Amino acid sequence: MKKIKYFSVSLAVVAADQLSKFFIVKNIPEYSSGWSCCGDFFRLVHVRNLGVAFSIGNGSSDFIRVLFMVILPFFVLAALGFYIIKGKKVPVAQRWILSVILGGGFGNLIDRVFRKDGVVDFLDFKFYGLFGLERWPTFNIADASLVVSSVILVILLIQNELRLKKYE
């Protein structure tokens, strides 16, 4: 069961995510800013999100939110965990990246289950009007882990495909 080691990264992501959210909840009043850097380029804020990325589904009924933001993601994450352990021919780098995705997914899932006011978001960056956004939507460590590791995973998959085509 050497493959269990990959879950250490998942646990580290969940721990960093939950500890940072705990700090924000305890130190910054909800819907306010607690600290900023470089003018207002970066701010630590305390906001809640009942939806998913970019607040999609924020106004959905409780049934829809539970089904599509708790139950379905739980089964997807469970399948991902199973794949990390049992997947055949999964390169080591991909297992590590999938473990980061797993940790980020569970970080936000914990909030959806145990925080009635929604997922705690707190990282807020100025976006200078790009794509019509003055500020990028506020996010957290779990979100960042999901996005960064997903981009890395896509790059690894493309590299693998190019390598396979090279030997055809």
N, C-alpha and C. Protein backbone atom coordinates (compact mmCIF):
# COMPACT_ATOMS: atom_id res chain seq x y z
N MET A 1 0.83 -1.21 0.00
CA MET A 1 0.00 0.00 0.00
C MET A 1 0.86 1.26 0.00
N LYS A 2 1.92 1.26 -0.79
CA LYS A 2 2.80 2.42 -0.90
C LYS A 2 2.07 3.63 -1.46
N LYS A 3 1.02 3.41 -2.20
CA LYS A 3 0.31 4.51 -2.86
C LYS A 3 -0.45 5.39 -1.88
N ILE A 4 -0.61 4.94 -0.66
CA ILE A 4 -1.29 5.75 0.36
C ILE A 4 -0.50 7.04 0.63
N LYS A 5 0.81 7.01 0.39
CA LYS A 5 1.65 8.19 0.64
C LYS A 5 1.15 9.42 -0.11
N TYR A 6 0.49 9.22 -1.24
CA TYR A 6 0.01 10.35 -2.02
C TYR A 6 -1.03 11.16 -1.25
N PHE A 7 -1.72 10.50 -0.34
CA PHE A 7 -2.75 11.21 0.43
C PHE A 7 -2.16 12.16 1.47
N SER A 8 -0.86 12.05 1.73
CA SER A 8 -0.22 13.00 2.64
C SER A 8 -0.31 14.42 2.08
N VAL A 9 -0.18 14.54 0.76
CA VAL A 9 -0.32 15.84 0.11
C VAL A 9 -1.76 16.32 0.21
N SER A 10 -2.71 15.41 0.01
CA SER A 10 -4.13 15.78 0.13
C SER A 10 -4.42 16.31 1.53
N LEU A 11 -3.92 15.61 2.53
CA LEU A 11 -4.13 16.04 3.92
C LEU A 11 -3.46 17.39 4.20
N ALA A 12 -2.29 17.60 3.63
CA ALA A 12 -1.59 18.88 3.83
C ALA A 12 -2.39 20.03 3.22
N VAL A 13 -2.96 19.81 2.04
CA VAL A 13 -3.78 20.85 1.39
C VAL A 13 -5.03 21.13 2.23
N VAL A 14 -5.70 20.07 2.68
CA VAL A 14 -6.90 20.26 3.52
C VAL A 14 -6.53 21.01 4.80
N ALA A 15 -5.42 20.63 5.43
CA ALA A 15 -5.01 21.28 6.67
C ALA A 15 -4.70 22.76 6.44
N ALA A 16 -3.92 23.06 5.41
CA ALA A 16 -3.59 24.47 5.12
C ALA A 16 -4.85 25.26 4.81
N ASP A 17 -5.75 24.68 4.05
CA ASP A 17 -7.00 25.34 3.68
C ASP A 17 -7.86 25.61 4.90
N GLN A 18 -8.09 24.60 5.71
CA GLN A 18 -8.97 24.74 6.87
C GLN A 18 -8.36 25.65 7.95
N LEU A 19 -7.05 25.56 8.15
CA LEU A 19 -6.39 26.45 9.14
C LEU A 19 -6.45 27.91 8.69
N SER A 20 -6.24 28.14 7.40
CA SER A 20 -6.32 29.52 6.90
C SER A 20 -7.74 30.07 7.02
N LYS A 21 -8.73 29.24 6.74
CA LYS A 21 -10.12 29.68 6.87
C LYS A 21 -10.47 29.94 8.34
N PHE A 22 -9.97 29.10 9.23
CA PHE A 22 -10.18 29.30 10.66
C PHE A 22 -9.61 30.65 11.10
N PHE A 23 -8.40 30.96 10.63
CA PHE A 23 -7.75 32.23 10.95
C PHE A 23 -8.59 33.41 10.45
N ILE A 24 -9.06 33.31 9.23
CA ILE A 24 -9.86 34.39 8.64
C ILE A 24 -11.16 34.59 9.43
N VAL A 25 -11.87 33.50 9.70
CA VAL A 25 -13.15 33.58 10.43
C VAL A 25 -12.94 34.20 11.81
N LYS A 26 -11.86 33.85 12.48
CA LYS A 26 -11.60 34.36 13.83
C LYS A 26 -11.11 35.80 13.86
N ASN A 27 -10.48 36.26 12.78
CA ASN A 27 -9.81 37.56 12.83
C ASN A 27 -10.36 38.65 11.93
N ILE A 28 -11.16 38.29 10.95
CA ILE A 28 -11.72 39.30 10.04
C ILE A 28 -13.24 39.17 10.03
N PRO A 29 -13.94 40.22 10.40
CA PRO A 29 -15.41 40.15 10.37
C PRO A 29 -15.90 39.85 8.95
N GLU A 30 -17.00 39.09 8.89
CA GLU A 30 -17.55 38.70 7.60
C GLU A 30 -17.87 39.93 6.75
N TYR A 31 -17.57 39.84 5.46
CA TYR A 31 -17.79 40.87 4.47
C TYR A 31 -17.02 42.15 4.77
N SER A 32 -15.78 41.97 5.27
CA SER A 32 -14.90 43.12 5.46
C SER A 32 -13.48 42.73 5.08
N SER A 33 -12.64 43.75 4.99
CA SER A 33 -11.24 43.54 4.63
C SER A 33 -10.39 43.65 5.89
N GLY A 34 -9.41 42.77 6.03
CA GLY A 34 -8.59 42.77 7.23
C GLY A 34 -7.18 43.25 7.01
N TRP A 35 -6.67 43.14 5.78
CA TRP A 35 -5.28 43.50 5.52
C TRP A 35 -5.11 43.68 4.03
N SER A 36 -4.25 44.61 3.64
CA SER A 36 -3.99 44.80 2.22
C SER A 36 -2.50 45.03 1.99
N CYS A 37 -2.09 44.83 0.76
CA CYS A 37 -0.68 44.95 0.39
C CYS A 37 -0.59 45.62 -0.98
N CYS A 38 0.43 46.43 -1.16
CA CYS A 38 0.66 47.08 -2.46
C CYS A 38 -0.56 47.89 -2.87
N GLY A 39 -0.92 48.83 -2.00
CA GLY A 39 -2.15 49.58 -2.22
C GLY A 39 -3.32 48.66 -1.98
N ASP A 40 -4.14 48.50 -2.99
CA ASP A 40 -5.24 47.53 -2.85
C ASP A 40 -5.09 46.38 -3.85
N PHE A 41 -3.85 46.14 -4.32
CA PHE A 41 -3.62 45.03 -5.26
C PHE A 41 -4.02 43.70 -4.64
N PHE A 42 -3.60 43.47 -3.38
CA PHE A 42 -3.93 42.22 -2.69
C PHE A 42 -4.56 42.56 -1.36
N ARG A 43 -5.66 41.87 -1.06
CA ARG A 43 -6.33 42.06 0.23
C ARG A 43 -6.72 40.71 0.82
N LEU A 44 -6.66 40.62 2.14
CA LEU A 44 -7.28 39.51 2.86
C LEU A 44 -8.65 40.00 3.27
N VAL A 45 -9.68 39.29 2.84
CA VAL A 45 -11.06 39.66 3.14
C VAL A 45 -11.76 38.44 3.71
N HIS A 46 -12.98 38.61 4.14
CA HIS A 46 -13.78 37.48 4.63
C HIS A 46 -15.13 37.53 3.95
N VAL A 47 -15.31 36.65 2.96
CA VAL A 47 -16.59 36.53 2.28
C VAL A 47 -17.02 35.07 2.28
N ARG A 48 -18.29 34.83 2.01
CA ARG A 48 -18.84 33.47 1.95
C ARG A 48 -19.43 33.23 0.58
N ASN A 49 -19.37 31.99 0.15
CA ASN A 49 -19.88 31.61 -1.16
C ASN A 49 -20.71 30.33 -1.01
N LEU A 50 -22.00 30.43 -1.25
CA LEU A 50 -22.87 29.26 -1.19
C LEU A 50 -22.82 28.45 -2.48
N GLY A 51 -22.24 29.02 -3.53
CA GLY A 51 -22.14 28.32 -4.81
C GLY A 51 -20.79 27.67 -4.99
N VAL A 52 -20.41 27.54 -6.26
CA VAL A 52 -19.09 27.00 -6.60
C VAL A 52 -18.30 28.13 -7.24
N ALA A 53 -17.34 27.83 -8.08
CA ALA A 53 -16.49 28.84 -8.70
C ALA A 53 -17.32 30.00 -9.26
N PHE A 54 -16.83 31.21 -9.01
CA PHE A 54 -17.48 32.43 -9.48
C PHE A 54 -18.91 32.55 -8.98
N SER A 55 -19.21 31.93 -7.84
CA SER A 55 -20.53 31.96 -7.19
C SER A 55 -21.62 31.31 -8.03
N ILE A 56 -21.25 30.45 -8.96
CA ILE A 56 -22.25 29.75 -9.76
C ILE A 56 -23.09 28.87 -8.83
N GLY A 57 -24.39 28.99 -8.94
CA GLY A 57 -25.31 28.22 -8.10
C GLY A 57 -25.58 28.84 -6.75
N ASN A 58 -25.11 30.06 -6.54
CA ASN A 58 -25.27 30.73 -5.25
C ASN A 58 -26.74 30.86 -4.84
N GLY A 59 -27.62 31.07 -5.80
CA GLY A 59 -29.03 31.26 -5.48
C GLY A 59 -29.86 29.99 -5.63
N SER A 60 -29.21 28.85 -5.80
CA SER A 60 -29.94 27.60 -5.99
C SER A 60 -30.63 27.15 -4.71
N SER A 61 -31.62 26.29 -4.88
CA SER A 61 -32.33 25.74 -3.72
C SER A 61 -31.38 24.85 -2.92
N ASP A 62 -31.73 24.61 -1.66
CA ASP A 62 -30.90 23.75 -0.81
C ASP A 62 -30.75 22.36 -1.41
N PHE A 63 -31.80 21.82 -1.99
CA PHE A 63 -31.75 20.49 -2.59
C PHE A 63 -30.72 20.44 -3.73
N ILE A 64 -30.77 21.42 -4.62
CA ILE A 64 -29.85 21.48 -5.75
C ILE A 64 -28.42 21.66 -5.25
N ARG A 65 -28.23 22.54 -4.28
CA ARG A 65 -26.88 22.77 -3.73
C ARG A 65 -26.33 21.49 -3.10
N VAL A 66 -27.13 20.80 -2.31
CA VAL A 66 -26.66 19.56 -1.67
C VAL A 66 -26.35 18.51 -2.72
N LEU A 67 -27.23 18.36 -3.70
CA LEU A 67 -27.03 17.34 -4.73
C LEU A 67 -25.78 17.62 -5.58
N PHE A 68 -25.68 18.83 -6.10
CA PHE A 68 -24.61 19.15 -7.06
C PHE A 68 -23.34 19.73 -6.43
N MET A 69 -23.40 20.14 -5.18
CA MET A 69 -22.22 20.74 -4.56
C MET A 69 -21.71 19.97 -3.36
N VAL A 70 -22.43 18.90 -2.96
CA VAL A 70 -21.97 18.06 -1.85
C VAL A 70 -21.95 16.58 -2.28
N ILE A 71 -23.09 16.04 -2.66
CA ILE A 71 -23.17 14.60 -2.95
C ILE A 71 -22.37 14.23 -4.20
N LEU A 72 -22.63 14.90 -5.32
CA LEU A 72 -21.91 14.59 -6.55
C LEU A 72 -20.40 14.80 -6.39
N PRO A 73 -19.94 15.95 -5.85
CA PRO A 73 -18.50 16.11 -5.66
C PRO A 73 -17.89 15.06 -4.73
N PHE A 74 -18.64 14.64 -3.70
CA PHE A 74 -18.12 13.59 -2.81
C PHE A 74 -17.82 12.32 -3.60
N PHE A 75 -18.75 11.89 -4.44
CA PHE A 75 -18.53 10.67 -5.21
C PHE A 75 -17.41 10.84 -6.24
N VAL A 76 -17.31 12.02 -6.84
CA VAL A 76 -16.21 12.28 -7.78
C VAL A 76 -14.87 12.22 -7.04
N LEU A 77 -14.80 12.83 -5.87
CA LEU A 77 -13.56 12.81 -5.09
C LEU A 77 -13.23 11.40 -4.61
N ALA A 78 -14.24 10.64 -4.22
CA ALA A 78 -14.01 9.25 -3.81
C ALA A 78 -13.46 8.44 -4.98
N ALA A 79 -14.03 8.64 -6.18
CA ALA A 79 -13.54 7.95 -7.38
C ALA A 79 -12.10 8.37 -7.69
N LEU A 80 -11.80 9.64 -7.51
CA LEU A 80 -10.45 10.13 -7.74
C LEU A 80 -9.47 9.48 -6.76
N GLY A 81 -9.86 9.40 -5.50
CA GLY A 81 -9.01 8.73 -4.51
C GLY A 81 -8.77 7.28 -4.86
N PHE A 82 -9.80 6.60 -5.31
CA PHE A 82 -9.68 5.20 -5.74
C PHE A 82 -8.73 5.09 -6.93
N TYR A 83 -8.86 6.03 -7.88
CA TYR A 83 -8.02 6.03 -9.07
C TYR A 83 -6.55 6.26 -8.70
N ILE A 84 -6.30 7.15 -7.74
CA ILE A 84 -4.93 7.41 -7.31
C ILE A 84 -4.28 6.12 -6.81
N ILE A 85 -5.04 5.33 -6.08
CA ILE A 85 -4.50 4.09 -5.51
C ILE A 85 -4.48 2.95 -6.52
N LYS A 86 -5.58 2.75 -7.22
CA LYS A 86 -5.75 1.55 -8.05
C LYS A 86 -5.49 1.76 -9.54
N GLY A 87 -5.36 3.03 -9.97
CA GLY A 87 -5.19 3.28 -11.40
C GLY A 87 -3.94 2.61 -11.95
N LYS A 88 -4.09 1.97 -13.08
CA LYS A 88 -2.98 1.29 -13.74
C LYS A 88 -2.24 2.29 -14.62
N LYS A 89 -0.95 2.19 -14.64
CA LYS A 89 -0.09 3.00 -15.52
C LYS A 89 -0.28 4.50 -15.31
N VAL A 90 -0.57 4.93 -14.10
CA VAL A 90 -0.67 6.35 -13.80
C VAL A 90 0.73 6.80 -13.35
N PRO A 91 1.35 7.71 -14.11
CA PRO A 91 2.69 8.16 -13.72
C PRO A 91 2.70 8.79 -12.32
N VAL A 92 3.83 8.69 -11.67
CA VAL A 92 3.98 9.20 -10.29
C VAL A 92 3.62 10.68 -10.21
N ALA A 93 4.10 11.49 -11.14
CA ALA A 93 3.82 12.93 -11.10
C ALA A 93 2.32 13.19 -11.16
N GLN A 94 1.62 12.42 -11.99
CA GLN A 94 0.17 12.60 -12.09
C GLN A 94 -0.53 12.20 -10.79
N ARG A 95 -0.04 11.16 -10.13
CA ARG A 95 -0.63 10.77 -8.84
C ARG A 95 -0.49 11.90 -7.82
N TRP A 96 0.68 12.53 -7.78
CA TRP A 96 0.89 13.64 -6.84
C TRP A 96 -0.04 14.81 -7.16
N ILE A 97 -0.15 15.15 -8.43
CA ILE A 97 -1.02 16.26 -8.84
C ILE A 97 -2.48 15.94 -8.54
N LEU A 98 -2.91 14.71 -8.82
CA LEU A 98 -4.28 14.31 -8.50
C LEU A 98 -4.54 14.37 -6.99
N SER A 99 -3.52 14.10 -6.20
CA SER A 99 -3.65 14.19 -4.74
C SER A 99 -3.87 15.63 -4.29
N VAL A 100 -3.23 16.58 -4.97
CA VAL A 100 -3.46 18.00 -4.65
C VAL A 100 -4.90 18.38 -5.02
N ILE A 101 -5.36 17.91 -6.17
CA ILE A 101 -6.74 18.17 -6.58
C ILE A 101 -7.71 17.58 -5.54
N LEU A 102 -7.43 16.37 -5.10
CA LEU A 102 -8.26 15.72 -4.08
C LEU A 102 -8.31 16.56 -2.80
N GLY A 103 -7.17 17.04 -2.35
CA GLY A 103 -7.13 17.88 -1.15
C GLY A 103 -7.92 19.17 -1.31
N GLY A 104 -7.78 19.82 -2.45
CA GLY A 104 -8.53 21.05 -2.70
C GLY A 104 -10.03 20.79 -2.74
N GLY A 105 -10.40 19.70 -3.37
CA GLY A 105 -11.83 19.35 -3.44
C GLY A 105 -12.41 19.09 -2.07
N PHE A 106 -11.68 18.33 -1.25
CA PHE A 106 -12.19 18.06 0.10
C PHE A 106 -12.16 19.30 0.99
N GLY A 107 -11.19 20.20 0.77
CA GLY A 107 -11.15 21.44 1.54
C GLY A 107 -12.44 22.23 1.41
N ASN A 108 -12.91 22.39 0.18
CA ASN A 108 -14.16 23.12 -0.04
C ASN A 108 -15.38 22.29 0.33
N LEU A 109 -15.31 20.99 0.15
CA LEU A 109 -16.43 20.12 0.52
C LEU A 109 -16.69 20.18 2.03
N ILE A 110 -15.63 20.23 2.80
CA ILE A 110 -15.78 20.36 4.26
C ILE A 110 -16.57 21.62 4.60
N ASP A 111 -16.24 22.72 3.93
CA ASP A 111 -16.99 23.96 4.18
C ASP A 111 -18.46 23.82 3.79
N ARG A 112 -18.72 23.20 2.66
CA ARG A 112 -20.10 23.05 2.20
C ARG A 112 -20.94 22.21 3.15
N VAL A 113 -20.30 21.27 3.81
CA VAL A 113 -21.02 20.40 4.74
C VAL A 113 -21.14 21.04 6.13
N PHE A 114 -20.08 21.66 6.61
CA PHE A 114 -20.04 22.10 8.01
C PHE A 114 -20.20 23.60 8.23
N ARG A 115 -20.19 24.41 7.19
CA ARG A 115 -20.38 25.86 7.35
C ARG A 115 -21.68 26.25 6.67
N LYS A 116 -22.69 26.53 7.46
CA LYS A 116 -24.01 26.81 6.89
C LYS A 116 -24.04 28.07 6.02
N ASP A 117 -23.09 28.98 6.25
CA ASP A 117 -23.03 30.22 5.47
C ASP A 117 -22.21 30.07 4.20
N GLY A 118 -21.70 28.88 3.93
CA GLY A 118 -20.97 28.64 2.69
C GLY A 118 -19.47 28.57 2.86
N VAL A 119 -18.80 28.41 1.74
CA VAL A 119 -17.35 28.29 1.69
C VAL A 119 -16.72 29.63 2.03
N VAL A 120 -15.70 29.62 2.87
CA VAL A 120 -14.97 30.84 3.24
C VAL A 120 -13.95 31.14 2.15
N ASP A 121 -14.06 32.33 1.55
CA ASP A 121 -13.10 32.82 0.57
C ASP A 121 -12.43 34.06 1.16
N PHE A 122 -11.14 34.25 0.85
CA PHE A 122 -10.44 35.36 1.50
C PHE A 122 -9.29 35.98 0.71
N LEU A 123 -8.86 35.39 -0.37
CA LEU A 123 -7.77 35.94 -1.18
C LEU A 123 -8.38 36.80 -2.28
N ASP A 124 -8.05 38.09 -2.27
CA ASP A 124 -8.70 39.05 -3.15
C ASP A 124 -7.64 39.87 -3.89
N PHE A 125 -7.63 39.78 -5.23
CA PHE A 125 -6.64 40.47 -6.05
C PHE A 125 -7.30 41.45 -7.00
N LYS A 126 -6.64 42.59 -7.18
CA LYS A 126 -7.08 43.56 -8.17
C LYS A 126 -6.78 42.99 -9.55
N PHE A 127 -7.68 43.19 -10.51
CA PHE A 127 -7.51 42.59 -11.83
C PHE A 127 -7.45 43.66 -12.93
N TYR A 128 -7.50 44.92 -12.55
CA TYR A 128 -7.27 46.05 -13.45
C TYR A 128 -8.17 46.07 -14.68
N GLY A 129 -9.39 45.64 -14.53
CA GLY A 129 -10.35 45.71 -15.63
C GLY A 129 -10.21 44.65 -16.69
N LEU A 130 -9.25 43.73 -16.55
CA LEU A 130 -9.12 42.65 -17.53
C LEU A 130 -10.37 41.78 -17.50
N PHE A 131 -10.83 41.38 -18.69
CA PHE A 131 -12.06 40.59 -18.83
C PHE A 131 -13.26 41.26 -18.17
N GLY A 132 -13.20 42.58 -18.04
CA GLY A 132 -14.30 43.33 -17.45
C GLY A 132 -14.38 43.23 -15.93
N LEU A 133 -13.32 42.72 -15.32
CA LEU A 133 -13.31 42.55 -13.86
C LEU A 133 -12.34 43.54 -13.21
N GLU A 134 -12.85 44.32 -12.29
CA GLU A 134 -11.96 45.20 -11.52
C GLU A 134 -11.16 44.38 -10.51
N ARG A 135 -11.83 43.37 -9.92
CA ARG A 135 -11.15 42.46 -8.98
C ARG A 135 -11.46 41.03 -9.41
N TRP A 136 -10.48 40.15 -9.27
CA TRP A 136 -10.71 38.74 -9.55
C TRP A 136 -11.65 38.19 -8.47
N PRO A 137 -12.54 37.26 -8.78
CA PRO A 137 -13.40 36.71 -7.72
C PRO A 137 -12.57 36.15 -6.56
N THR A 138 -12.99 36.47 -5.36
CA THR A 138 -12.27 36.05 -4.15
C THR A 138 -12.23 34.53 -4.07
N PHE A 139 -11.09 34.00 -3.62
CA PHE A 139 -10.90 32.55 -3.57
C PHE A 139 -10.15 32.16 -2.31
N ASN A 140 -9.84 30.87 -2.17
CA ASN A 140 -9.16 30.36 -0.98
C ASN A 140 -8.05 29.39 -1.39
N ILE A 141 -7.39 28.79 -0.43
CA ILE A 141 -6.28 27.87 -0.72
C ILE A 141 -6.77 26.63 -1.47
N ALA A 142 -7.93 26.11 -1.11
CA ALA A 142 -8.47 24.94 -1.83
C ALA A 142 -8.70 25.27 -3.29
N ASP A 143 -9.28 26.45 -3.56
CA ASP A 143 -9.52 26.87 -4.94
C ASP A 143 -8.21 26.98 -5.71
N ALA A 144 -7.23 27.64 -5.09
CA ALA A 144 -5.93 27.80 -5.75
C ALA A 144 -5.29 26.45 -6.02
N SER A 145 -5.39 25.53 -5.08
CA SER A 145 -4.84 24.18 -5.26
C SER A 145 -5.50 23.47 -6.42
N LEU A 146 -6.81 23.60 -6.51
CA LEU A 146 -7.55 22.97 -7.61
C LEU A 146 -7.14 23.54 -8.97
N VAL A 147 -7.07 24.85 -9.07
CA VAL A 147 -6.77 25.48 -10.35
C VAL A 147 -5.33 25.22 -10.78
N VAL A 148 -4.38 25.48 -9.88
CA VAL A 148 -2.97 25.31 -10.23
C VAL A 148 -2.66 23.85 -10.57
N SER A 149 -3.14 22.93 -9.75
CA SER A 149 -2.85 21.52 -10.01
C SER A 149 -3.56 21.03 -11.27
N SER A 150 -4.73 21.54 -11.58
CA SER A 150 -5.42 21.16 -12.81
C SER A 150 -4.66 21.64 -14.04
N VAL A 151 -4.12 22.84 -13.98
CA VAL A 151 -3.31 23.36 -15.09
C VAL A 151 -2.06 22.50 -15.26
N ILE A 152 -1.41 22.17 -14.17
CA ILE A 152 -0.21 21.32 -14.24
C ILE A 152 -0.58 19.94 -14.79
N LEU A 153 -1.71 19.40 -14.37
CA LEU A 153 -2.15 18.09 -14.87
C LEU A 153 -2.37 18.13 -16.38
N VAL A 154 -3.01 19.17 -16.88
CA VAL A 154 -3.23 19.29 -18.32
C VAL A 154 -1.89 19.36 -19.06
N ILE A 155 -0.95 20.11 -18.53
CA ILE A 155 0.39 20.20 -19.14
C ILE A 155 1.05 18.82 -19.16
N LEU A 156 0.97 18.10 -18.04
CA LEU A 156 1.55 16.75 -17.99
C LEU A 156 0.89 15.80 -18.99
N LEU A 157 -0.42 15.88 -19.11
CA LEU A 157 -1.13 15.03 -20.06
C LEU A 157 -0.75 15.35 -21.51
N ILE A 158 -0.62 16.63 -21.82
CA ILE A 158 -0.20 17.03 -23.17
C ILE A 158 1.22 16.55 -23.45
N GLN A 159 2.12 16.74 -22.46
CA GLN A 159 3.49 16.25 -22.62
C GLN A 159 3.51 14.75 -22.87
N ASN A 160 2.72 14.01 -22.13
CA ASN A 160 2.66 12.56 -22.28
C ASN A 160 2.17 12.17 -23.68
N GLU A 161 1.15 12.86 -24.16
CA GLU A 161 0.63 12.59 -25.51
C GLU A 161 1.69 12.89 -26.56
N LEU A 162 2.39 14.00 -26.41
CA LEU A 162 3.43 14.35 -27.37
C LEU A 162 4.55 13.32 -27.35
N ARG A 163 4.89 12.82 -26.18
CA ARG A 163 5.92 11.81 -26.05
C ARG A 163 5.48 10.51 -26.72
N LEU A 164 4.23 10.13 -26.53
CA LEU A 164 3.72 8.91 -27.16
C LEU A 164 3.70 9.04 -28.69
N LYS A 165 3.32 10.21 -29.21
CA LYS A 165 3.28 10.41 -30.66
C LYS A 165 4.69 10.39 -31.25
N LYS A 166 5.65 10.84 -30.47
CA LYS A 166 7.04 10.87 -30.93
C LYS A 166 7.54 9.45 -31.21
N TYR A 167 7.07 8.47 -30.45
CA TYR A 167 7.52 7.10 -30.60
C TYR A 167 6.64 6.26 -31.51
N GLU A 168 5.65 6.84 -32.14
CA GLU A 168 4.78 6.08 -33.06
C GLU A 168 5.42 5.93 -34.40
